[in-house]
Amino acid sequence: MANRALRDPSERHREVIRLMYYQQQSVAQAAEHLGIPPGTVKSRTHHAVRALRGVLLTRGLTEA
């Protein structure tokens, strides 16, 4: 079910979640891979996790 929840966030958010959490890349590695500044990776990661949490909450898969 959580895999289906990953379809809801934007492509940018899915990509940063994949790199940072599934592939366990550092901020610097993800930034190089994506061709964006490290600060942007941090920001996208923050927003991606919030978006994913919101999706999981609406589906009743996690608690508030």
PDB file of N, CA and C in Angstrom:
ATOM      1  N   MET A   1       0.810  -1.201   0.000  1.00  0.00           N
ATOM      2  CA  MET A   1       0.000   0.000   0.000  1.00  0.00           C
ATOM      3  C   MET A   1       0.851   1.263   0.000  1.00  0.00           C
ATOM      4  N   ALA A   2       1.951   1.239   0.737  1.00  0.00           N
ATOM      5  CA  ALA A   2       2.819   2.409   0.774  1.00  0.00           C
ATOM      6  C   ALA A   2       3.400   2.687  -0.605  1.00  0.00           C
ATOM      7  N   ASN A   3       3.681   1.625  -1.378  1.00  0.00           N
ATOM      8  CA  ASN A   3       4.189   1.829  -2.737  1.00  0.00           C
ATOM      9  C   ASN A   3       3.177   2.575  -3.594  1.00  0.00           C
ATOM     10  N   ARG A   4       1.896   2.276  -3.417  1.00  0.00           N
ATOM     11  CA  ARG A   4       0.863   3.003  -4.161  1.00  0.00           C
ATOM     12  C   ARG A   4       0.815   4.461  -3.722  1.00  0.00           C
ATOM     13  N   ALA A   5       1.084   4.712  -2.458  1.00  0.00           N
ATOM     14  CA  ALA A   5       1.077   6.089  -1.950  1.00  0.00           C
ATOM     15  C   ALA A   5       2.189   6.905  -2.594  1.00  0.00           C
ATOM     16  N   LEU A   6       3.256   6.253  -3.014  1.00  0.00           N
ATOM     17  CA  LEU A   6       4.355   6.968  -3.665  1.00  0.00           C
ATOM     18  C   LEU A   6       3.994   7.462  -5.057  1.00  0.00           C
ATOM     19  N   ARG A   7       2.886   7.014  -5.597  1.00  0.00           N
ATOM     20  CA  ARG A   7       2.461   7.485  -6.922  1.00  0.00           C
ATOM     21  C   ARG A   7       1.821   8.867  -6.850  1.00  0.00           C
ATOM     22  N   ASP A   8       1.329   9.253  -5.683  1.00  0.00           N
ATOM     23  CA  ASP A   8       0.619  10.525  -5.558  1.00  0.00           C
ATOM     24  C   ASP A   8       1.522  11.764  -5.565  1.00  0.00           C
ATOM     25  N   PRO A   9       2.660  11.756  -4.852  1.00  0.00           N
ATOM     26  CA  PRO A   9       3.517  12.953  -4.900  1.00  0.00           C
ATOM     27  C   PRO A   9       4.047  13.213  -6.318  1.00  0.00           C
ATOM     28  N   SER A  10       4.517  14.423  -6.537  1.00  0.00           N
ATOM     29  CA  SER A  10       5.030  14.782  -7.860  1.00  0.00           C
ATOM     30  C   SER A  10       6.268  13.958  -8.216  1.00  0.00           C
ATOM     31  N   GLU A  11       6.613  13.961  -9.485  1.00  0.00           N
ATOM     32  CA  GLU A  11       7.792  13.234  -9.957  1.00  0.00           C
ATOM     33  C   GLU A  11       9.041  13.724  -9.232  1.00  0.00           C
ATOM     34  N   ARG A  12       9.165  15.027  -9.036  1.00  0.00           N
ATOM     35  CA  ARG A  12      10.321  15.583  -8.314  1.00  0.00           C
ATOM     36  C   ARG A  12      10.421  14.989  -6.915  1.00  0.00           C
ATOM     37  N   HIS A  13       9.286  14.905  -6.248  1.00  0.00           N
ATOM     38  CA  HIS A  13       9.266  14.375  -4.891  1.00  0.00           C
ATOM     39  C   HIS A  13       9.574  12.876  -4.876  1.00  0.00           C
ATOM     40  N   ARG A  14       9.008  12.144  -5.800  1.00  0.00           N
ATOM     41  CA  ARG A  14       9.288  10.703  -5.864  1.00  0.00           C
ATOM     42  C   ARG A  14      10.770  10.452  -6.105  1.00  0.00           C
ATOM     43  N   GLU A  15      11.359  11.220  -6.987  1.00  0.00           N
ATOM     44  CA  GLU A  15      12.767  11.033  -7.326  1.00  0.00           C
ATOM     45  C   GLU A  15      13.662  11.291  -6.118  1.00  0.00           C
ATOM     46  N   VAL A  16      13.411  12.349  -5.396  1.00  0.00           N
ATOM     47  CA  VAL A  16      14.257  12.661  -4.250  1.00  0.00           C
ATOM     48  C   VAL A  16      14.048  11.637  -3.127  1.00  0.00           C
ATOM     49  N   ILE A  17      12.835  11.146  -2.944  1.00  0.00           N
ATOM     50  CA  ILE A  17      12.585  10.087  -1.959  1.00  0.00           C
ATOM     51  C   ILE A  17      13.340   8.819  -2.360  1.00  0.00           C
ATOM     52  N   ARG A  18      13.287   8.487  -3.628  1.00  0.00           N
ATOM     53  CA  ARG A  18      13.994   7.296  -4.119  1.00  0.00           C
ATOM     54  C   ARG A  18      15.491   7.398  -3.864  1.00  0.00           C
ATOM     55  N   LEU A  19      16.060   8.539  -4.204  1.00  0.00           N
ATOM     56  CA  LEU A  19      17.506   8.709  -4.034  1.00  0.00           C
ATOM     57  C   LEU A  19      17.921   8.745  -2.570  1.00  0.00           C
ATOM     58  N   MET A  20      17.206   9.503  -1.772  1.00  0.00           N
ATOM     59  CA  MET A  20      17.618   9.723  -0.383  1.00  0.00           C
ATOM     60  C   MET A  20      17.287   8.543   0.528  1.00  0.00           C
ATOM     61  N   TYR A  21      16.149   7.903   0.327  1.00  0.00           N
ATOM     62  CA  TYR A  21      15.719   6.865   1.255  1.00  0.00           C
ATOM     63  C   TYR A  21      15.914   5.451   0.729  1.00  0.00           C
ATOM     64  N   TYR A  22      15.601   5.215  -0.521  1.00  0.00           N
ATOM     65  CA  TYR A  22      15.752   3.861  -1.048  1.00  0.00           C
ATOM     66  C   TYR A  22      17.201   3.564  -1.449  1.00  0.00           C
ATOM     67  N   GLN A  23      17.872   4.538  -2.072  1.00  0.00           N
ATOM     68  CA  GLN A  23      19.251   4.328  -2.486  1.00  0.00           C
ATOM     69  C   GLN A  23      20.248   4.867  -1.463  1.00  0.00           C
ATOM     70  N   GLN A  24      19.757   5.484  -0.418  1.00  0.00           N
ATOM     71  CA  GLN A  24      20.555   6.011   0.687  1.00  0.00           C
ATOM     72  C   GLN A  24      21.721   6.889   0.224  1.00  0.00           C
ATOM     73  N   GLN A  25      21.425   7.752  -0.749  1.00  0.00           N
ATOM     74  CA  GLN A  25      22.437   8.695  -1.206  1.00  0.00           C
ATOM     75  C   GLN A  25      22.500   9.874  -0.248  1.00  0.00           C
ATOM     76  N   SER A  26      23.656  10.481  -0.181  1.00  0.00           N
ATOM     77  CA  SER A  26      23.810  11.697   0.619  1.00  0.00           C
ATOM     78  C   SER A  26      23.164  12.859  -0.136  1.00  0.00           C
ATOM     79  N   VAL A  27      23.018  13.973   0.566  1.00  0.00           N
ATOM     80  CA  VAL A  27      22.481  15.173  -0.079  1.00  0.00           C
ATOM     81  C   VAL A  27      23.372  15.554  -1.259  1.00  0.00           C
ATOM     82  N   ALA A  28      24.681  15.514  -1.048  1.00  0.00           N
ATOM     83  CA  ALA A  28      25.619  15.878  -2.116  1.00  0.00           C
ATOM     84  C   ALA A  28      25.501  14.935  -3.318  1.00  0.00           C
ATOM     85  N   GLN A  29      25.366  13.649  -3.055  1.00  0.00           N
ATOM     86  CA  GLN A  29      25.224  12.680  -4.151  1.00  0.00           C
ATOM     87  C   GLN A  29      23.925  12.902  -4.914  1.00  0.00           C
ATOM     88  N   ALA A  30      22.838  13.106  -4.192  1.00  0.00           N
ATOM     89  CA  ALA A  30      21.548  13.345  -4.843  1.00  0.00           C
ATOM     90  C   ALA A  30      21.589  14.635  -5.653  1.00  0.00           C
ATOM     91  N   ALA A  31      22.216  15.664  -5.095  1.00  0.00           N
ATOM     92  CA  ALA A  31      22.327  16.943  -5.802  1.00  0.00           C
ATOM     93  C   ALA A  31      23.096  16.772  -7.108  1.00  0.00           C
ATOM     94  N   GLU A  32      24.182  16.023  -7.052  1.00  0.00           N
ATOM     95  CA  GLU A  32      24.968  15.791  -8.267  1.00  0.00           C
ATOM     96  C   GLU A  32      24.154  14.984  -9.282  1.00  0.00           C
ATOM     97  N   HIS A  33      23.484  13.952  -8.816  1.00  0.00           N
ATOM     98  CA  HIS A  33      22.674  13.114  -9.700  1.00  0.00           C
ATOM     99  C   HIS A  33      21.568  13.929 -10.390  1.00  0.00           C
ATOM    100  N   LEU A  34      20.912  14.797  -9.615  1.00  0.00           N
ATOM    101  CA  LEU A  34      19.799  15.581 -10.144  1.00  0.00           C
ATOM    102  C   LEU A  34      20.246  16.870 -10.847  1.00  0.00           C
ATOM    103  N   GLY A  35      21.488  17.268 -10.626  1.00  0.00           N
ATOM    104  CA  GLY A  35      21.994  18.501 -11.230  1.00  0.00           C
ATOM    105  C   GLY A  35      21.398  19.757 -10.603  1.00  0.00           C
ATOM    106  N   ILE A  36      21.154  19.688  -9.293  1.00  0.00           N
ATOM    107  CA  ILE A  36      20.582  20.814  -8.559  1.00  0.00           C
ATOM    108  C   ILE A  36      21.420  21.083  -7.312  1.00  0.00           C
ATOM    109  N   PRO A  37      21.293  22.273  -6.711  1.00  0.00           N
ATOM    110  CA  PRO A  37      22.055  22.577  -5.503  1.00  0.00           C
ATOM    111  C   PRO A  37      21.622  21.702  -4.315  1.00  0.00           C
ATOM    112  N   PRO A  38      22.553  21.444  -3.386  1.00  0.00           N
ATOM    113  CA  PRO A  38      22.222  20.657  -2.196  1.00  0.00           C
ATOM    114  C   PRO A  38      21.052  21.235  -1.390  1.00  0.00           C
ATOM    115  N   GLY A  39      20.959  22.533  -1.304  1.00  0.00           N
ATOM    116  CA  GLY A  39      19.851  23.151  -0.583  1.00  0.00           C
ATOM    117  C   GLY A  39      18.502  22.813  -1.198  1.00  0.00           C
ATOM    118  N   THR A  40      18.471  22.690  -2.505  1.00  0.00           N
ATOM    119  CA  THR A  40      17.238  22.322  -3.198  1.00  0.00           C
ATOM    120  C   THR A  40      16.875  20.874  -2.901  1.00  0.00           C
ATOM    121  N   VAL A  41      17.873  20.010  -2.807  1.00  0.00           N
ATOM    122  CA  VAL A  41      17.630  18.614  -2.439  1.00  0.00           C
ATOM    123  C   VAL A  41      17.018  18.552  -1.041  1.00  0.00           C
ATOM    124  N   LYS A  42      17.574  19.310  -0.111  1.00  0.00           N
ATOM    125  CA  LYS A  42      17.059  19.332   1.259  1.00  0.00           C
ATOM    126  C   LYS A  42      15.614  19.815   1.288  1.00  0.00           C
ATOM    127  N   SER A  43      15.341  20.873   0.552  1.00  0.00           N
ATOM    128  CA  SER A  43      13.994  21.434   0.509  1.00  0.00           C
ATOM    129  C   SER A  43      13.012  20.448  -0.109  1.00  0.00           C
ATOM    130  N   ARG A  44      13.388  19.855  -1.221  1.00  0.00           N
ATOM    131  CA  ARG A  44      12.506  18.886  -1.885  1.00  0.00           C
ATOM    132  C   ARG A  44      12.254  17.676  -0.994  1.00  0.00           C
ATOM    133  N   THR A  45      13.296  17.244  -0.295  1.00  0.00           N
ATOM    134  CA  THR A  45      13.143  16.101   0.603  1.00  0.00           C
ATOM    135  C   THR A  45      12.149  16.433   1.708  1.00  0.00           C
ATOM    136  N   HIS A  46      12.293  17.603   2.286  1.00  0.00           N
ATOM    137  CA  HIS A  46      11.376  18.034   3.343  1.00  0.00           C
ATOM    138  C   HIS A  46       9.934  18.045   2.837  1.00  0.00           C
ATOM    139  N   HIS A  47       9.729  18.666   1.696  1.00  0.00           N
ATOM    140  CA  HIS A  47       8.378  18.773   1.140  1.00  0.00           C
ATOM    141  C   HIS A  47       7.850  17.408   0.668  1.00  0.00           C
ATOM    142  N   ALA A  48       8.743  16.573   0.154  1.00  0.00           N
ATOM    143  CA  ALA A  48       8.336  15.244  -0.304  1.00  0.00           C
ATOM    144  C   ALA A  48       7.855  14.386   0.859  1.00  0.00           C
ATOM    145  N   VAL A  49       8.573  14.427   1.966  1.00  0.00           N
ATOM    146  CA  VAL A  49       8.183  13.639   3.136  1.00  0.00           C
ATOM    147  C   VAL A  49       6.859  14.147   3.692  1.00  0.00           C
ATOM    148  N   ARG A  50       6.679  15.452   3.729  1.00  0.00           N
ATOM    149  CA  ARG A  50       5.402  16.008   4.190  1.00  0.00           C
ATOM    150  C   ARG A  50       4.253  15.594   3.279  1.00  0.00           C
ATOM    151  N   ALA A  51       4.483  15.636   1.971  1.00  0.00           N
ATOM    152  CA  ALA A  51       3.443  15.252   1.014  1.00  0.00           C
ATOM    153  C   ALA A  51       3.104  13.766   1.165  1.00  0.00           C
ATOM    154  N   LEU A  52       4.128  12.934   1.298  1.00  0.00           N
ATOM    155  CA  LEU A  52       3.904  11.499   1.455  1.00  0.00           C
ATOM    156  C   LEU A  52       3.167  11.207   2.757  1.00  0.00           C
ATOM    157  N   ARG A  53       3.547  11.891   3.807  1.00  0.00           N
ATOM    158  CA  ARG A  53       2.858  11.705   5.088  1.00  0.00           C
ATOM    159  C   ARG A  53       1.379  12.086   4.959  1.00  0.00           C
ATOM    160  N   GLY A  54       1.102  13.166   4.258  1.00  0.00           N
ATOM    161  CA  GLY A  54      -0.280  13.580   4.041  1.00  0.00           C
ATOM    162  C   GLY A  54      -1.082  12.533   3.291  1.00  0.00           C
ATOM    163  N   VAL A  55      -0.475  11.933   2.277  1.00  0.00           N
ATOM    164  CA  VAL A  55      -1.132  10.879   1.509  1.00  0.00           C
ATOM    165  C   VAL A  55      -1.418   9.689   2.417  1.00  0.00           C
ATOM    166  N   LEU A  56      -0.435   9.296   3.207  1.00  0.00           N
ATOM    167  CA  LEU A  56      -0.611   8.158   4.107  1.00  0.00           C
ATOM    168  C   LEU A  56      -1.678   8.437   5.157  1.00  0.00           C
ATOM    169  N   LEU A  57      -1.723   9.664   5.650  1.00  0.00           N
ATOM    170  CA  LEU A  57      -2.750  10.038   6.628  1.00  0.00           C
ATOM    171  C   LEU A  57      -4.145   9.936   6.033  1.00  0.00           C
ATOM    172  N   THR A  58      -4.314  10.431   4.820  1.00  0.00           N
ATOM    173  CA  THR A  58      -5.642  10.402   4.202  1.00  0.00           C
ATOM    174  C   THR A  58      -6.101   8.980   3.905  1.00  0.00           C
ATOM    175  N   ARG A  59      -5.137   8.084   3.726  1.00  0.00           N
ATOM    176  CA  ARG A  59      -5.468   6.686   3.470  1.00  0.00           C
ATOM    177  C   ARG A  59      -5.559   5.863   4.757  1.00  0.00           C
ATOM    178  N   GLY A  60      -5.332   6.509   5.888  1.00  0.00           N
ATOM    179  CA  GLY A  60      -5.425   5.823   7.166  1.00  0.00           C
ATOM    180  C   GLY A  60      -4.286   4.850   7.423  1.00  0.00           C
ATOM    181  N   LEU A  61      -3.135   5.079   6.782  1.00  0.00           N
ATOM    182  CA  LEU A  61      -2.005   4.166   6.933  1.00  0.00           C
ATOM    183  C   LEU A  61      -1.024   4.593   8.015  1.00  0.00           C
ATOM    184  N   THR A  62      -1.227   5.756   8.601  1.00  0.00           N
ATOM    185  CA  THR A  62      -0.384   6.236   9.686  1.00  0.00           C
ATOM    186  C   THR A  62      -1.210   7.134  10.576  1.00  0.00           C
ATOM    187  N   GLU A  63      -0.695   7.377  11.755  1.00  0.00           N
ATOM    188  CA  GLU A  63      -1.397   8.248  12.689  1.00  0.00           C
ATOM    189  C   GLU A  63      -0.855   9.670  12.592  1.00  0.00           C
ATOM    190  N   ALA A  64      -1.678  10.636  13.003  1.00  0.00           N
ATOM    191  CA  ALA A  64      -1.276  12.040  12.957  1.00  0.00           C
ATOM    192  C   ALA A  64      -0.188  12.330  13.952  1.00  0.00           C
TER     193      ALA A  64
END
